């Protein structure tokens, strides 16, 4: 969403381009992204087939190597890149919910303080 304020354009929801997404694939797989980056990454991955394919390749290679490095092959042996995206979406949803709860609690405390005094 782009907003104009006093003649200046402000991009409120900055989007990642293919180069940024492809350079951030490993960070996403290794959980080294903050919430905003993660949201932008997922949004781009879901809309860009080329970046999605690149992500799938990296995910399969990295998770395959981790699976082979671990001596425990009894667990999950199927590698699905969509699982990581679904987990990230779930994390973002939980993060937003907790943030909403904190805002509501803050408002409640402020109202309580005002009513007490």
C-alpha atoms as a PDB file:
ATOM      1  CA  UNK A   1       0.000   0.000   0.000  1.00  0.00           C
ATOM      2  CA  UNK A   2       1.472   3.327  -1.037  1.00  0.00           C
ATOM      3  CA  UNK A   3       0.567   6.533   0.798  1.00  0.00           C
ATOM      4  CA  UNK A   4       1.413  10.109  -0.194  1.00  0.00           C
ATOM      5  CA  UNK A   5       2.167  12.419   2.718  1.00  0.00           C
ATOM      6  CA  UNK A   6       3.134  16.040   2.035  1.00  0.00           C
ATOM      7  CA  UNK A   7       4.326  15.118  -1.437  1.00  0.00           C
ATOM      8  CA  UNK A   8       6.420  12.157  -0.284  1.00  0.00           C
ATOM      9  CA  UNK A   9       5.500   8.627  -1.215  1.00  0.00           C
ATOM     10  CA  UNK A  10       5.624   6.144   1.631  1.00  0.00           C
ATOM     11  CA  UNK A  11       5.461   2.438   0.880  1.00  0.00           C
ATOM     12  CA  UNK A  12       3.725   1.008   3.944  1.00  0.00           C
ATOM     13  CA  UNK A  13       3.989  -2.593   2.834  1.00  0.00           C
ATOM     14  CA  UNK A  14       7.365  -2.934   1.175  1.00  0.00           C
ATOM     15  CA  UNK A  15       7.633  -5.977  -1.029  1.00  0.00           C
ATOM     16  CA  UNK A  16      10.681  -8.102  -1.677  1.00  0.00           C
ATOM     17  CA  UNK A  17      11.918  -8.551  -5.209  1.00  0.00           C
ATOM     18  CA  UNK A  18      13.214 -11.837  -6.616  1.00  0.00           C
ATOM     19  CA  UNK A  19      16.841 -11.046  -5.814  1.00  0.00           C
ATOM     20  CA  UNK A  20      16.034 -10.264  -2.155  1.00  0.00           C
ATOM     21  CA  UNK A  21      13.899 -13.385  -1.813  1.00  0.00           C
ATOM     22  CA  UNK A  22      16.491 -15.661  -3.381  1.00  0.00           C
ATOM     23  CA  UNK A  23      19.232 -14.259  -1.160  1.00  0.00           C
ATOM     24  CA  UNK A  24      16.995 -14.793   1.890  1.00  0.00           C
ATOM     25  CA  UNK A  25      15.988 -18.398   1.255  1.00  0.00           C
ATOM     26  CA  UNK A  26      18.592 -19.860   3.586  1.00  0.00           C
ATOM     27  CA  UNK A  27      17.711 -17.344   6.311  1.00  0.00           C
ATOM     28  CA  UNK A  28      14.048 -18.364   6.000  1.00  0.00           C
ATOM     29  CA  UNK A  29      14.836 -22.066   6.172  1.00  0.00           C
ATOM     30  CA  UNK A  30      17.064 -21.537   9.230  1.00  0.00           C
ATOM     31  CA  UNK A  31      14.559 -19.254  11.028  1.00  0.00           C
ATOM     32  CA  UNK A  32      16.789 -16.185  10.774  1.00  0.00           C
ATOM     33  CA  UNK A  33      14.124 -13.698   9.647  1.00  0.00           C
ATOM     34  CA  UNK A  34      12.051 -11.246  11.602  1.00  0.00           C
ATOM     35  CA  UNK A  35       8.264 -11.176  11.250  1.00  0.00           C
ATOM     36  CA  UNK A  36       8.096  -8.455   8.583  1.00  0.00           C
ATOM     37  CA  UNK A  37      10.741 -10.119   6.424  1.00  0.00           C
ATOM     38  CA  UNK A  38       9.005 -13.463   6.836  1.00  0.00           C
ATOM     39  CA  UNK A  39       5.649 -12.018   5.741  1.00  0.00           C
ATOM     40  CA  UNK A  40       7.209 -10.372   2.686  1.00  0.00           C
ATOM     41  CA  UNK A  41       9.142 -13.546   1.854  1.00  0.00           C
ATOM     42  CA  UNK A  42       6.065 -15.780   2.043  1.00  0.00           C
ATOM     43  CA  UNK A  43       3.966 -13.324   0.065  1.00  0.00           C
ATOM     44  CA  UNK A  44       6.535 -13.287  -2.728  1.00  0.00           C
ATOM     45  CA  UNK A  45       7.131 -17.062  -2.683  1.00  0.00           C
ATOM     46  CA  UNK A  46       3.417 -17.691  -3.061  1.00  0.00           C
ATOM     47  CA  UNK A  47       3.112 -15.360  -6.047  1.00  0.00           C
ATOM     48  CA  UNK A  48       6.379 -16.040  -7.940  1.00  0.00           C
ATOM     49  CA  UNK A  49       6.779 -19.486  -9.444  1.00  0.00           C
ATOM     50  CA  UNK A  50      10.492 -19.014 -10.215  1.00  0.00           C
ATOM     51  CA  UNK A  51      11.345 -18.078  -6.616  1.00  0.00           C
ATOM     52  CA  UNK A  52       9.143 -20.892  -5.330  1.00  0.00           C
ATOM     53  CA  UNK A  53      11.060 -23.421  -7.393  1.00  0.00           C
ATOM     54  CA  UNK A  54      14.363 -21.980  -6.154  1.00  0.00           C
ATOM     55  CA  UNK A  55      13.094 -22.214  -2.565  1.00  0.00           C
ATOM     56  CA  UNK A  56      11.944 -25.819  -3.076  1.00  0.00           C
ATOM     57  CA  UNK A  57      15.394 -26.820  -4.364  1.00  0.00           C
ATOM     58  CA  UNK A  58      17.240 -25.142  -1.490  1.00  0.00           C
ATOM     59  CA  UNK A  59      14.817 -26.519   1.092  1.00  0.00           C
ATOM     60  CA  UNK A  60      15.103 -30.061  -0.235  1.00  0.00           C
ATOM     61  CA  UNK A  61      18.910 -29.908  -0.308  1.00  0.00           C
ATOM     62  CA  UNK A  62      19.322 -28.330   3.133  1.00  0.00           C
ATOM     63  CA  UNK A  63      16.747 -30.477   4.877  1.00  0.00           C
ATOM     64  CA  UNK A  64      18.002 -33.586   3.099  1.00  0.00           C
ATOM     65  CA  UNK A  65      21.534 -32.919   4.349  1.00  0.00           C
ATOM     66  CA  UNK A  66      20.234 -32.282   7.874  1.00  0.00           C
ATOM     67  CA  UNK A  67      18.261 -35.503   7.724  1.00  0.00           C
ATOM     68  CA  UNK A  68      21.312 -37.458   6.593  1.00  0.00           C
ATOM     69  CA  UNK A  69      23.507 -35.786   9.234  1.00  0.00           C
ATOM     70  CA  UNK A  70      21.136 -36.801  11.983  1.00  0.00           C
ATOM     71  CA  UNK A  71      21.557 -40.402  12.971  1.00  0.00           C
ATOM     72  CA  UNK A  72      17.849 -40.674  13.691  1.00  0.00           C
ATOM     73  CA  UNK A  73      16.182 -41.694  10.442  1.00  0.00           C
ATOM     74  CA  UNK A  74      13.167 -43.151  12.256  1.00  0.00           C
ATOM     75  CA  UNK A  75      11.419 -39.796  12.433  1.00  0.00           C
ATOM     76  CA  UNK A  76      10.143 -37.770   9.571  1.00  0.00           C
ATOM     77  CA  UNK A  77      11.803 -38.897   6.356  1.00  0.00           C
ATOM     78  CA  UNK A  78       9.601 -37.006   3.904  1.00  0.00           C
ATOM     79  CA  UNK A  79      10.831 -33.530   2.993  1.00  0.00           C
ATOM     80  CA  UNK A  80       8.060 -31.059   2.128  1.00  0.00           C
ATOM     81  CA  UNK A  81       8.931 -27.409   1.634  1.00  0.00           C
ATOM     82  CA  UNK A  82       5.301 -26.387   2.102  1.00  0.00           C
ATOM     83  CA  UNK A  83       5.486 -27.536   5.739  1.00  0.00           C
ATOM     84  CA  UNK A  84       8.041 -24.804   6.519  1.00  0.00           C
ATOM     85  CA  UNK A  85       5.853 -22.157   4.852  1.00  0.00           C
ATOM     86  CA  UNK A  86       2.785 -23.375   6.760  1.00  0.00           C
ATOM     87  CA  UNK A  87       4.739 -23.299  10.029  1.00  0.00           C
ATOM     88  CA  UNK A  88       5.854 -19.728   9.305  1.00  0.00           C
ATOM     89  CA  UNK A  89       2.277 -18.647   8.533  1.00  0.00           C
ATOM     90  CA  UNK A  90       1.114 -20.212  11.777  1.00  0.00           C
ATOM     91  CA  UNK A  91       3.891 -18.417  13.676  1.00  0.00           C
ATOM     92  CA  UNK A  92       2.943 -15.077  12.098  1.00  0.00           C
ATOM     93  CA  UNK A  93      -0.704 -15.612  13.032  1.00  0.00           C
ATOM     94  CA  UNK A  94       0.213 -16.451  16.636  1.00  0.00           C
ATOM     95  CA  UNK A  95       2.532 -13.419  16.763  1.00  0.00           C
ATOM     96  CA  UNK A  96      -0.256 -11.119  15.575  1.00  0.00           C
ATOM     97  CA  UNK A  97      -2.675 -12.605  18.090  1.00  0.00           C
ATOM     98  CA  UNK A  98      -0.234 -12.113  20.980  1.00  0.00           C
ATOM     99  CA  UNK A  99       0.460  -8.570  19.805  1.00  0.00           C
ATOM    100  CA  UNK A 100      -3.292  -7.904  19.700  1.00  0.00           C
ATOM    101  CA  UNK A 101      -3.656  -9.299  23.228  1.00  0.00           C
ATOM    102  CA  UNK A 102      -0.872  -7.014  24.461  1.00  0.00           C
ATOM    103  CA  UNK A 103      -2.529  -3.974  22.910  1.00  0.00           C
ATOM    104  CA  UNK A 104      -5.865  -4.891  24.474  1.00  0.00           C
ATOM    105  CA  UNK A 105      -4.212  -5.413  27.855  1.00  0.00           C
ATOM    106  CA  UNK A 106      -2.466  -2.050  27.570  1.00  0.00           C
ATOM    107  CA  UNK A 107      -5.753  -0.332  26.707  1.00  0.00           C
ATOM    108  CA  UNK A 108      -7.478  -2.084  29.612  1.00  0.00           C
ATOM    109  CA  UNK A 109      -4.743  -0.990  32.026  1.00  0.00           C
ATOM    110  CA  UNK A 110      -4.913   2.612  30.759  1.00  0.00           C
ATOM    111  CA  UNK A 111      -8.689   2.719  31.155  1.00  0.00           C
ATOM    112  CA  UNK A 112      -8.418   1.181  34.628  1.00  0.00           C
ATOM    113  CA  UNK A 113      -5.859   3.772  35.698  1.00  0.00           C
ATOM    114  CA  UNK A 114      -8.041   6.587  34.356  1.00  0.00           C
ATOM    115  CA  UNK A 115     -11.119   5.241  36.147  1.00  0.00           C
ATOM    116  CA  UNK A 116      -9.259   4.754  39.423  1.00  0.00           C
ATOM    117  CA  UNK A 117      -7.956   8.323  39.509  1.00  0.00           C
END
